Amino acid sequence: MAAKFVLKKTSNGQFMFNLHAANNEVILTSESYVAKQGAENGIASVRKNAPNDSQYRRETATNGQLYFVLAAENHEVIGRSEMYSSTAGLENGIASVKANAPAAAISDET
């Protein structure tokens, strides 16, 4: 199975997407968007910005776990990772987004 963006409608009627790796693990989750077009634009932004290491912020949660944020060129957050227990896991997650996002198909589940 190839990597894919899964576009969904949230319980409050907004839209969001997850980027799934080939093993179906979620590697990036978007913010919520009021309109479907906003979420589709978010996917396009992830595809554009994913290859650029400078667009990733490596963060530490209050519980000590690690995660990353992918931002657009205007510094607006377009996606967040799952939590990782190690720096190696975090870097593997970033590498997976870089490798998978640019060509990932879209599965529209709205």
PDB file of N, CA and C in Angstrom:
ATOM      1  N   MET A   1       0.832  -1.183   0.000  1.00  0.00           N
ATOM      2  CA  MET A   1       0.000   0.000   0.000  1.00  0.00           C
ATOM      3  C   MET A   1       0.879   1.251   0.000  1.00  0.00           C
ATOM      4  N   ALA A   2       0.542   2.220  -0.791  1.00  0.00           N
ATOM      5  CA  ALA A   2       1.305   3.459  -0.878  1.00  0.00           C
ATOM      6  C   ALA A   2       0.835   4.448   0.184  1.00  0.00           C
ATOM      7  N   ALA A   3       1.670   5.426   0.437  1.00  0.00           N
ATOM      8  CA  ALA A   3       1.298   6.493   1.369  1.00  0.00           C
ATOM      9  C   ALA A   3       0.111   7.260   0.803  1.00  0.00           C
ATOM     10  N   LYS A   4      -0.692   7.853   1.708  1.00  0.00           N
ATOM     11  CA  LYS A   4      -1.850   8.614   1.243  1.00  0.00           C
ATOM     12  C   LYS A   4      -2.265   9.650   2.272  1.00  0.00           C
ATOM     13  N   PHE A   5      -2.883  10.702   1.765  1.00  0.00           N
ATOM     14  CA  PHE A   5      -3.567  11.680   2.597  1.00  0.00           C
ATOM     15  C   PHE A   5      -5.006  11.201   2.729  1.00  0.00           C
ATOM     16  N   VAL A   6      -5.531  11.175   3.946  1.00  0.00           N
ATOM     17  CA  VAL A   6      -6.927  10.830   4.173  1.00  0.00           C
ATOM     18  C   VAL A   6      -7.634  12.103   4.617  1.00  0.00           C
ATOM     19  N   LEU A   7      -8.527  12.582   3.767  1.00  0.00           N
ATOM     20  CA  LEU A   7      -9.283  13.808   4.001  1.00  0.00           C
ATOM     21  C   LEU A   7     -10.607  13.427   4.650  1.00  0.00           C
ATOM     22  N   LYS A   8     -10.914  14.038   5.813  1.00  0.00           N
ATOM     23  CA  LYS A   8     -12.102  13.676   6.584  1.00  0.00           C
ATOM     24  C   LYS A   8     -12.866  14.916   7.015  1.00  0.00           C
ATOM     25  N   LYS A   9     -14.136  14.704   7.338  1.00  0.00           N
ATOM     26  CA  LYS A   9     -14.958  15.730   7.962  1.00  0.00           C
ATOM     27  C   LYS A   9     -14.954  15.434   9.465  1.00  0.00           C
ATOM     28  N   THR A  10     -14.752  16.461  10.283  1.00  0.00           N
ATOM     29  CA  THR A  10     -14.716  16.271  11.733  1.00  0.00           C
ATOM     30  C   THR A  10     -16.126  16.269  12.312  1.00  0.00           C
ATOM     31  N   SER A  11     -16.243  15.906  13.569  1.00  0.00           N
ATOM     32  CA  SER A  11     -17.556  15.836  14.218  1.00  0.00           C
ATOM     33  C   SER A  11     -18.251  17.198  14.289  1.00  0.00           C
ATOM     34  N   ASN A  12     -17.468  18.279  14.238  1.00  0.00           N
ATOM     35  CA  ASN A  12     -18.087  19.616  14.283  1.00  0.00           C
ATOM     36  C   ASN A  12     -18.263  20.227  12.887  1.00  0.00           C
ATOM     37  N   GLY A  13     -18.152  19.393  11.843  1.00  0.00           N
ATOM     38  CA  GLY A  13     -18.414  19.849  10.487  1.00  0.00           C
ATOM     39  C   GLY A  13     -17.255  20.502   9.772  1.00  0.00           C
ATOM     40  N   GLN A  14     -16.080  20.528  10.403  1.00  0.00           N
ATOM     41  CA  GLN A  14     -14.908  21.078   9.737  1.00  0.00           C
ATOM     42  C   GLN A  14     -14.189  19.956   8.982  1.00  0.00           C
ATOM     43  N   PHE A  15     -13.048  20.283   8.394  1.00  0.00           N
ATOM     44  CA  PHE A  15     -12.299  19.321   7.587  1.00  0.00           C
ATOM     45  C   PHE A  15     -10.872  19.231   8.093  1.00  0.00           C
ATOM     46  N   MET A  16     -10.285  18.054   7.961  1.00  0.00           N
ATOM     47  CA  MET A  16      -8.891  17.838   8.346  1.00  0.00           C
ATOM     48  C   MET A  16      -8.351  16.678   7.532  1.00  0.00           C
ATOM     49  N   PHE A  17      -7.040  16.464   7.622  1.00  0.00           N
ATOM     50  CA  PHE A  17      -6.447  15.323   6.933  1.00  0.00           C
ATOM     51  C   PHE A  17      -5.333  14.724   7.777  1.00  0.00           C
ATOM     52  N   ASN A  18      -5.076  13.455   7.523  1.00  0.00           N
ATOM     53  CA  ASN A  18      -3.936  12.739   8.077  1.00  0.00           C
ATOM     54  C   ASN A  18      -3.103  12.243   6.914  1.00  0.00           C
ATOM     55  N   LEU A  19      -1.788  12.265   7.077  1.00  0.00           N
ATOM     56  CA  LEU A  19      -0.894  11.621   6.120  1.00  0.00           C
ATOM     57  C   LEU A  19      -0.535  10.266   6.698  1.00  0.00           C
ATOM     58  N   HIS A  20      -0.861   9.219   5.961  1.00  0.00           N
ATOM     59  CA  HIS A  20      -0.562   7.852   6.378  1.00  0.00           C
ATOM     60  C   HIS A  20       0.643   7.339   5.594  1.00  0.00           C
ATOM     61  N   ALA A  21       1.578   6.700   6.277  1.00  0.00           N
ATOM     62  CA  ALA A  21       2.700   6.046   5.609  1.00  0.00           C
ATOM     63  C   ALA A  21       2.191   4.784   4.918  1.00  0.00           C
ATOM     64  N   ALA A  22       3.050   4.129   4.165  1.00  0.00           N
ATOM     65  CA  ALA A  22       2.670   2.920   3.439  1.00  0.00           C
ATOM     66  C   ALA A  22       2.156   1.820   4.370  1.00  0.00           C
ATOM     67  N   ASN A  23       2.608   1.826   5.635  1.00  0.00           N
ATOM     68  CA  ASN A  23       2.146   0.820   6.605  1.00  0.00           C
ATOM     69  C   ASN A  23       0.844   1.248   7.292  1.00  0.00           C
ATOM     70  N   ASN A  24       0.229   2.322   6.805  1.00  0.00           N
ATOM     71  CA  ASN A  24      -1.028   2.901   7.289  1.00  0.00           C
ATOM     72  C   ASN A  24      -0.899   3.646   8.619  1.00  0.00           C
ATOM     73  N   GLU A  25       0.309   3.805   9.118  1.00  0.00           N
ATOM     74  CA  GLU A  25       0.532   4.572  10.347  1.00  0.00           C
ATOM     75  C   GLU A  25       0.394   6.065  10.042  1.00  0.00           C
ATOM     76  N   VAL A  26      -0.300   6.797  10.909  1.00  0.00           N
ATOM     77  CA  VAL A  26      -0.446   8.245  10.737  1.00  0.00           C
ATOM     78  C   VAL A  26       0.886   8.906  11.078  1.00  0.00           C
ATOM     79  N   ILE A  27       1.414   9.676  10.129  1.00  0.00           N
ATOM     80  CA  ILE A  27       2.697  10.346  10.364  1.00  0.00           C
ATOM     81  C   ILE A  27       2.564  11.864  10.438  1.00  0.00           C
ATOM     82  N   LEU A  28       1.389  12.400  10.077  1.00  0.00           N
ATOM     83  CA  LEU A  28       1.171  13.840  10.168  1.00  0.00           C
ATOM     84  C   LEU A  28      -0.334  14.096  10.229  1.00  0.00           C
ATOM     85  N   THR A  29      -0.742  14.993  11.123  1.00  0.00           N
ATOM     86  CA  THR A  29      -2.152  15.360  11.277  1.00  0.00           C
ATOM     87  C   THR A  29      -2.287  16.861  11.082  1.00  0.00           C
ATOM     88  N   SER A  30      -3.270  17.254  10.305  1.00  0.00           N
ATOM     89  CA  SER A  30      -3.460  18.677  10.010  1.00  0.00           C
ATOM     90  C   SER A  30      -4.211  19.387  11.116  1.00  0.00           C
ATOM     91  N   GLU A  31      -4.260  20.688  10.969  1.00  0.00           N
ATOM     92  CA  GLU A  31      -5.145  21.523  11.748  1.00  0.00           C
ATOM     93  C   GLU A  31      -6.552  21.332  11.178  1.00  0.00           C
ATOM     94  N   SER A  32      -7.566  21.882  11.818  1.00  0.00           N
ATOM     95  CA  SER A  32      -8.925  21.851  11.282  1.00  0.00           C
ATOM     96  C   SER A  32      -9.140  23.044  10.366  1.00  0.00           C
ATOM     97  N   TYR A  33      -9.937  22.812   9.324  1.00  0.00           N
ATOM     98  CA  TYR A  33     -10.259  23.852   8.349  1.00  0.00           C
ATOM     99  C   TYR A  33     -11.774  23.989   8.271  1.00  0.00           C
ATOM    100  N   VAL A  34     -12.275  25.213   8.127  1.00  0.00           N
ATOM    101  CA  VAL A  34     -13.707  25.457   8.030  1.00  0.00           C
ATOM    102  C   VAL A  34     -14.260  24.881   6.736  1.00  0.00           C
ATOM    103  N   ALA A  35     -13.526  25.033   5.642  1.00  0.00           N
ATOM    104  CA  ALA A  35     -13.986  24.576   4.326  1.00  0.00           C
ATOM    105  C   ALA A  35     -13.098  23.455   3.799  1.00  0.00           C
ATOM    106  N   LYS A  36     -13.692  22.595   2.999  1.00  0.00           N
ATOM    107  CA  LYS A  36     -12.944  21.492   2.380  1.00  0.00           C
ATOM    108  C   LYS A  36     -11.793  22.023   1.534  1.00  0.00           C
ATOM    109  N   GLN A  37     -12.023  23.121   0.809  1.00  0.00           N
ATOM    110  CA  GLN A  37     -10.977  23.716  -0.022  1.00  0.00           C
ATOM    111  C   GLN A  37      -9.765  24.103   0.822  1.00  0.00           C
ATOM    112  N   GLY A  38      -9.991  24.555   2.040  1.00  0.00           N
ATOM    113  CA  GLY A  38      -8.874  24.875   2.932  1.00  0.00           C
ATOM    114  C   GLY A  38      -8.036  23.652   3.241  1.00  0.00           C
ATOM    115  N   ALA A  39      -8.684  22.522   3.499  1.00  0.00           N
ATOM    116  CA  ALA A  39      -7.958  21.276   3.767  1.00  0.00           C
ATOM    117  C   ALA A  39      -7.201  20.819   2.526  1.00  0.00           C
ATOM    118  N   GLU A  40      -7.824  20.946   1.365  1.00  0.00           N
ATOM    119  CA  GLU A  40      -7.145  20.575   0.118  1.00  0.00           C
ATOM    120  C   GLU A  40      -5.930  21.476  -0.126  1.00  0.00           C
ATOM    121  N   ASN A  41      -6.056  22.748   0.191  1.00  0.00           N
ATOM    122  CA  ASN A  41      -4.913  23.664   0.088  1.00  0.00           C
ATOM    123  C   ASN A  41      -3.834  23.275   1.091  1.00  0.00           C
ATOM    124  N   GLY A  42      -4.248  22.803   2.283  1.00  0.00           N
ATOM    125  CA  GLY A  42      -3.297  22.336   3.285  1.00  0.00           C
ATOM    126  C   GLY A  42      -2.495  21.149   2.781  1.00  0.00           C
ATOM    127  N   ILE A  43      -3.159  20.217   2.107  1.00  0.00           N
ATOM    128  CA  ILE A  43      -2.462  19.060   1.524  1.00  0.00           C
ATOM    129  C   ILE A  43      -1.440  19.538   0.499  1.00  0.00           C
ATOM    130  N   ALA A  44      -1.837  20.469  -0.349  1.00  0.00           N
ATOM    131  CA  ALA A  44      -0.902  21.015  -1.348  1.00  0.00           C
ATOM    132  C   ALA A  44       0.296  21.668  -0.674  1.00  0.00           C
ATOM    133  N   SER A  45       0.058  22.345   0.441  1.00  0.00           N
ATOM    134  CA  SER A  45       1.137  22.996   1.174  1.00  0.00           C
ATOM    135  C   SER A  45       2.077  21.967   1.811  1.00  0.00           C
ATOM    136  N   VAL A  46       1.507  20.879   2.335  1.00  0.00           N
ATOM    137  CA  VAL A  46       2.357  19.812   2.884  1.00  0.00           C
ATOM    138  C   VAL A  46       3.235  19.244   1.776  1.00  0.00           C
ATOM    139  N   ARG A  47       2.639  18.960   0.630  1.00  0.00           N
ATOM    140  CA  ARG A  47       3.429  18.414  -0.491  1.00  0.00           C
ATOM    141  C   ARG A  47       4.579  19.347  -0.862  1.00  0.00           C
ATOM    142  N   LYS A  48       4.300  20.648  -0.886  1.00  0.00           N
ATOM    143  CA  LYS A  48       5.311  21.634  -1.273  1.00  0.00           C
ATOM    144  C   LYS A  48       6.408  21.783  -0.221  1.00  0.00           C
ATOM    145  N   ASN A  49       6.015  21.812   1.056  1.00  0.00           N
ATOM    146  CA  ASN A  49       6.969  22.125   2.120  1.00  0.00           C
ATOM    147  C   ASN A  49       7.650  20.907   2.742  1.00  0.00           C
ATOM    148  N   ALA A  50       7.095  19.725   2.568  1.00  0.00           N
ATOM    149  CA  ALA A  50       7.630  18.522   3.218  1.00  0.00           C
ATOM    150  C   ALA A  50       9.104  18.247   2.915  1.00  0.00           C
ATOM    151  N   PRO A  51       9.584  18.450   1.688  1.00  0.00           N
ATOM    152  CA  PRO A  51      10.992  18.131   1.416  1.00  0.00           C
ATOM    153  C   PRO A  51      12.005  19.053   2.097  1.00  0.00           C
ATOM    154  N   ASN A  52      11.569  20.205   2.609  1.00  0.00           N
ATOM    155  CA  ASN A  52      12.485  21.224   3.135  1.00  0.00           C
ATOM    156  C   ASN A  52      12.672  21.097   4.642  1.00  0.00           C
ATOM    157  N   ASP A  53      13.842  20.668   5.060  1.00  0.00           N
ATOM    158  CA  ASP A  53      14.103  20.463   6.487  1.00  0.00           C
ATOM    159  C   ASP A  53      13.880  21.729   7.309  1.00  0.00           C
ATOM    160  N   SER A  54      14.106  22.884   6.702  1.00  0.00           N
ATOM    161  CA  SER A  54      13.944  24.146   7.439  1.00  0.00           C
ATOM    162  C   SER A  54      12.491  24.415   7.822  1.00  0.00           C
ATOM    163  N   GLN A  55      11.549  23.687   7.246  1.00  0.00           N
ATOM    164  CA  GLN A  55      10.134  23.891   7.550  1.00  0.00           C
ATOM    165  C   GLN A  55       9.667  23.064   8.750  1.00  0.00           C
ATOM    166  N   TYR A  56      10.552  22.250   9.316  1.00  0.00           N
ATOM    167  CA  TYR A  56      10.200  21.406  10.461  1.00  0.00           C
ATOM    168  C   TYR A  56      10.714  22.028  11.753  1.00  0.00           C
ATOM    169  N   ARG A  57       9.856  22.023  12.783  1.00  0.00           N
ATOM    170  CA  ARG A  57      10.270  22.420  14.130  1.00  0.00           C
ATOM    171  C   ARG A  57      10.205  21.166  14.994  1.00  0.00           C
ATOM    172  N   ARG A  58      11.295  20.874  15.643  1.00  0.00           N
ATOM    173  CA  ARG A  58      11.348  19.736  16.551  1.00  0.00           C
ATOM    174  C   ARG A  58      11.007  20.245  17.942  1.00  0.00           C
ATOM    175  N   GLU A  59      10.006  19.636  18.585  1.00  0.00           N
ATOM    176  CA  GLU A  59       9.469  20.134  19.850  1.00  0.00           C
ATOM    177  C   GLU A  59       9.456  19.030  20.904  1.00  0.00           C
ATOM    178  N   THR A  60       9.350  19.458  22.165  1.00  0.00           N
ATOM    179  CA  THR A  60       9.197  18.535  23.287  1.00  0.00           C
ATOM    180  C   THR A  60       7.921  18.887  24.027  1.00  0.00           C
ATOM    181  N   ALA A  61       7.058  17.887  24.202  1.00  0.00           N
ATOM    182  CA  ALA A  61       5.795  18.081  24.923  1.00  0.00           C
ATOM    183  C   ALA A  61       6.063  18.180  26.421  1.00  0.00           C
ATOM    184  N   THR A  62       5.084  18.624  27.176  1.00  0.00           N
ATOM    185  CA  THR A  62       5.248  18.774  28.621  1.00  0.00           C
ATOM    186  C   THR A  62       5.534  17.438  29.315  1.00  0.00           C
ATOM    187  N   ASN A  63       5.127  16.328  28.702  1.00  0.00           N
ATOM    188  CA  ASN A  63       5.393  15.012  29.291  1.00  0.00           C
ATOM    189  C   ASN A  63       6.749  14.448  28.876  1.00  0.00           C
ATOM    190  N   GLY A  64       7.526  15.246  28.136  1.00  0.00           N
ATOM    191  CA  GLY A  64       8.861  14.828  27.741  1.00  0.00           C
ATOM    192  C   GLY A  64       8.932  14.116  26.402  1.00  0.00           C
ATOM    193  N   GLN A  65       7.790  13.776  25.820  1.00  0.00           N
ATOM    194  CA  GLN A  65       7.818  13.125  24.518  1.00  0.00           C
ATOM    195  C   GLN A  65       8.119  14.148  23.430  1.00  0.00           C
ATOM    196  N   LEU A  66       8.596  13.647  22.310  1.00  0.00           N
ATOM    197  CA  LEU A  66       9.013  14.498  21.209  1.00  0.00           C
ATOM    198  C   LEU A  66       7.983  14.478  20.093  1.00  0.00           C
ATOM    199  N   TYR A  67       7.893  15.578  19.369  1.00  0.00           N
ATOM    200  CA  TYR A  67       7.037  15.649  18.189  1.00  0.00           C
ATOM    201  C   TYR A  67       7.600  16.715  17.265  1.00  0.00           C
ATOM    202  N   PHE A  68       7.100  16.742  16.032  1.00  0.00           N
ATOM    203  CA  PHE A  68       7.523  17.792  15.118  1.00  0.00           C
ATOM    204  C   PHE A  68       6.310  18.484  14.524  1.00  0.00           C
ATOM    205  N   VAL A  69       6.550  19.701  14.095  1.00  0.00           N
ATOM    206  CA  VAL A  69       5.543  20.530  13.443  1.00  0.00           C
ATOM    207  C   VAL A  69       6.085  20.875  12.063  1.00  0.00           C
ATOM    208  N   LEU A  70       5.239  20.743  11.054  1.00  0.00           N
ATOM    209  CA  LEU A  70       5.592  21.175   9.706  1.00  0.00           C
ATOM    210  C   LEU A  70       4.884  22.504   9.458  1.00  0.00           C
ATOM    211  N   ALA A  71       5.648  23.512   9.061  1.00  0.00           N
ATOM    212  CA  ALA A  71       5.086  24.840   8.826  1.00  0.00           C
ATOM    213  C   ALA A  71       5.263  25.235   7.362  1.00  0.00           C
ATOM    214  N   ALA A  72       4.371  26.083   6.895  1.00  0.00           N
ATOM    215  CA  ALA A  72       4.476  26.638   5.552  1.00  0.00           C
ATOM    216  C   ALA A  72       5.528  27.746   5.557  1.00  0.00           C
ATOM    217  N   GLU A  73       5.807  28.269   4.381  1.00  0.00           N
ATOM    218  CA  GLU A  73       6.810  29.334   4.279  1.00  0.00           C
ATOM    219  C   GLU A  73       6.421  30.568   5.079  1.00  0.00           C
ATOM    220  N   ASN A  74       5.117  30.781   5.302  1.00  0.00           N
ATOM    221  CA  ASN A  74       4.665  31.926   6.095  1.00  0.00           C
ATOM    222  C   ASN A  74       4.657  31.604   7.593  1.00  0.00           C
ATOM    223  N   HIS A  75       5.238  30.470   7.978  1.00  0.00           N
ATOM    224  CA  HIS A  75       5.381  29.988   9.358  1.00  0.00           C
ATOM    225  C   HIS A  75       4.079  29.481   9.963  1.00  0.00           C
ATOM    226  N   GLU A  76       3.014  29.384   9.171  1.00  0.00           N
ATOM    227  CA  GLU A  76       1.754  28.853   9.666  1.00  0.00           C
ATOM    228  C   GLU A  76       1.851  27.330   9.740  1.00  0.00           C
ATOM    229  N   VAL A  77       1.409  26.761  10.863  1.00  0.00           N
ATOM    230  CA  VAL A  77       1.472  25.312  11.062  1.00  0.00           C
ATOM    231  C   VAL A  77       0.494  24.630  10.112  1.00  0.00           C
ATOM    232  N   ILE A  78       0.984  23.618   9.388  1.00  0.00           N
ATOM    233  CA  ILE A  78       0.113  22.854   8.495  1.00  0.00           C
ATOM    234  C   ILE A  78      -0.034  21.402   8.926  1.00  0.00           C
ATOM    235  N   GLY A  79       0.800  20.967   9.870  1.00  0.00           N
ATOM    236  CA  GLY A  79       0.660  19.610  10.373  1.00  0.00           C
ATOM    237  C   GLY A  79       1.531  19.338  11.573  1.00  0.00           C
ATOM    238  N   ARG A  80       1.102  18.366  12.385  1.00  0.00           N
ATOM    239  CA  ARG A  80       1.847  17.934  13.563  1.00  0.00           C
ATOM    240  C   ARG A  80       2.001  16.428  13.528  1.00  0.00           C
ATOM    241  N   SER A  81       3.078  15.967  14.105  1.00  0.00           N
ATOM    242  CA  SER A  81       3.325  14.522  14.145  1.00  0.00           C
ATOM    243  C   SER A  81       2.660  13.878  15.353  1.00  0.00           C
ATOM    244  N   GLU A  82       2.767  12.585  15.397  1.00  0.00           N
ATOM    245  CA  GLU A  82       2.426  11.828  16.586  1.00  0.00           C
ATOM    246  C   GLU A  82       3.551  12.054  17.602  1.00  0.00           C
ATOM    247  N   MET A  83       3.413  11.517  18.791  1.00  0.00           N
ATOM    248  CA  MET A  83       4.460  11.640  19.815  1.00  0.00           C
ATOM    249  C   MET A  83       5.496  10.517  19.653  1.00  0.00           C
ATOM    250  N   TYR A  84       6.740  10.865  19.933  1.00  0.00           N
ATOM    251  CA  TYR A  84       7.855   9.919  19.838  1.00  0.00           C
ATOM    252  C   TYR A  84       8.587   9.878  21.167  1.00  0.00           C
ATOM    253  N   SER A  85       9.134   8.720  21.499  1.00  0.00           N
ATOM    254  CA  SER A  85       9.873   8.579  22.755  1.00  0.00           C
ATOM    255  C   SER A  85      11.371   8.791  22.564  1.00  0.00           C
ATOM    256  N   SER A  86      11.842   8.867  21.311  1.00  0.00           N
ATOM    257  CA  SER A  86      13.277   9.034  21.071  1.00  0.00           C
ATOM    258  C   SER A  86      13.521  10.005  19.919  1.00  0.00           C
ATOM    259  N   THR A  87      14.700  10.587  19.921  1.00  0.00           N
ATOM    260  CA  THR A  87      15.094  11.481  18.838  1.00  0.00           C
ATOM    261  C   THR A  87      15.175  10.711  17.523  1.00  0.00           C
ATOM    262  N   ALA A  88      15.654   9.473  17.564  1.00  0.00           N
ATOM    263  CA  ALA A  88      15.744   8.660  16.351  1.00  0.00           C
ATOM    264  C   ALA A  88      14.353   8.443  15.747  1.00  0.00           C
ATOM    265  N   GLY A  89      13.368   8.164  16.590  1.00  0.00           N
ATOM    266  CA  GLY A  89      12.002   7.988  16.114  1.00  0.00           C
ATOM    267  C   GLY A  89      11.463   9.261  15.480  1.00  0.00           C
ATOM    268  N   LEU A  90      11.732  10.385  16.125  1.00  0.00           N
ATOM    269  CA  LEU A  90      11.313  11.688  15.602  1.00  0.00           C
ATOM    270  C   LEU A  90      11.917  11.935  14.223  1.00  0.00           C
ATOM    271  N   GLU A  91      13.209  11.714  14.090  1.00  0.00           N
ATOM    272  CA  GLU A  91      13.894  11.954  12.813  1.00  0.00           C
ATOM    273  C   GLU A  91      13.399  10.986  11.739  1.00  0.00           C
ATOM    274  N   ASN A  92      13.087   9.752  12.122  1.00  0.00           N
ATOM    275  CA  ASN A  92      12.514   8.797  11.168  1.00  0.00           C
ATOM    276  C   ASN A  92      11.143   9.270  10.698  1.00  0.00           C
ATOM    277  N   GLY A  93      10.357   9.857  11.618  1.00  0.00           N
ATOM    278  CA  GLY A  93       9.053  10.401  11.251  1.00  0.00           C
ATOM    279  C   GLY A  93       9.177  11.528  10.243  1.00  0.00           C
ATOM    280  N   ILE A  94      10.114  12.435  10.479  1.00  0.00           N
ATOM    281  CA  ILE A  94      10.349  13.536   9.540  1.00  0.00           C
ATOM    282  C   ILE A  94      10.788  12.986   8.188  1.00  0.00           C
ATOM    283  N   ALA A  95      11.694  12.012   8.204  1.00  0.00           N
ATOM    284  CA  ALA A  95      12.166  11.412   6.953  1.00  0.00           C
ATOM    285  C   ALA A  95      11.008  10.763   6.196  1.00  0.00           C
ATOM    286  N   SER A  96      10.084  10.158   6.921  1.00  0.00           N
ATOM    287  CA  SER A  96       8.937   9.522   6.291  1.00  0.00           C
ATOM    288  C   SER A  96       8.024  10.556   5.635  1.00  0.00           C
ATOM    289  N   VAL A  97       7.781  11.680   6.314  1.00  0.00           N
ATOM    290  CA  VAL A  97       6.964  12.742   5.718  1.00  0.00           C
ATOM    291  C   VAL A  97       7.659  13.285   4.473  1.00  0.00           C
ATOM    292  N   LYS A  98       8.952  13.529   4.563  1.00  0.00           N
ATOM    293  CA  LYS A  98       9.706  14.042   3.417  1.00  0.00           C
ATOM    294  C   LYS A  98       9.600  13.102   2.223  1.00  0.00           C
ATOM    295  N   ALA A  99       9.707  11.804   2.479  1.00  0.00           N
ATOM    296  CA  ALA A  99       9.699  10.817   1.402  1.00  0.00           C
ATOM    297  C   ALA A  99       8.306  10.564   0.837  1.00  0.00           C
ATOM    298  N   ASN A 100       7.292  10.605   1.694  1.00  0.00           N
ATOM    299  CA  ASN A 100       5.959  10.175   1.286  1.00  0.00           C
ATOM    300  C   ASN A 100       5.016  11.291   0.836  1.00  0.00           C
ATOM    301  N   ALA A 101       5.108  12.459   1.444  1.00  0.00           N
ATOM    302  CA  ALA A 101       4.107  13.502   1.192  1.00  0.00           C
ATOM    303  C   ALA A 101       4.053  13.998  -0.252  1.00  0.00           C
ATOM    304  N   PRO A 102       5.192  14.241  -0.902  1.00  0.00           N
ATOM    305  CA  PRO A 102       5.109  14.859  -2.230  1.00  0.00           C
ATOM    306  C   PRO A 102       4.272  14.092  -3.256  1.00  0.00           C
ATOM    307  N   ALA A 103       4.253  12.784  -3.189  1.00  0.00           N
ATOM    308  CA  ALA A 103       3.537  11.989  -4.206  1.00  0.00           C
ATOM    309  C   ALA A 103       2.345  11.225  -3.649  1.00  0.00           C
ATOM    310  N   ALA A 104       2.012  11.439  -2.382  1.00  0.00           N
ATOM    311  CA  ALA A 104       0.908  10.675  -1.766  1.00  0.00           C
ATOM    312  C   ALA A 104      -0.423  11.011  -2.419  1.00  0.00           C
ATOM    313  N   ALA A 105      -1.208   9.977  -2.664  1.00  0.00           N
ATOM    314  CA  ALA A 105      -2.554  10.147  -3.216  1.00  0.00           C
ATOM    315  C   ALA A 105      -3.477  10.706  -2.135  1.00  0.00           C
ATOM    316  N   ILE A 106      -4.643  11.166  -2.551  1.00  0.00           N
ATOM    317  CA  ILE A 106      -5.640  11.662  -1.609  1.00  0.00           C
ATOM    318  C   ILE A 106      -6.820  10.689  -1.584  1.00  0.00           C
ATOM    319  N   SER A 107      -7.169  10.250  -0.384  1.00  0.00           N
ATOM    320  CA  SER A 107      -8.362   9.436  -0.189  1.00  0.00           C
ATOM    321  C   SER A 107      -9.397  10.341   0.462  1.00  0.00           C
ATOM    322  N   ASP A 108     -10.417  10.728  -0.302  1.00  0.00           N
ATOM    323  CA  ASP A 108     -11.430  11.657   0.186  1.00  0.00           C
ATOM    324  C   ASP A 108     -12.535  10.884   0.877  1.00  0.00           C
ATOM    325  N   GLU A 109     -12.591  10.987   2.214  1.00  0.00           N
ATOM    326  CA  GLU A 109     -13.597  10.283   2.999  1.00  0.00           C
ATOM    327  C   GLU A 109     -14.661  11.232   3.546  1.00  0.00           C
ATOM    328  N   THR A 110     -14.789  12.396   2.893  1.00  0.00           N
ATOM    329  CA  THR A 110     -15.787  13.358   3.343  1.00  0.00           C
ATOM    330  C   THR A 110     -17.145  12.950   2.824  1.00  0.00           C
TER     331      THR A 110
END
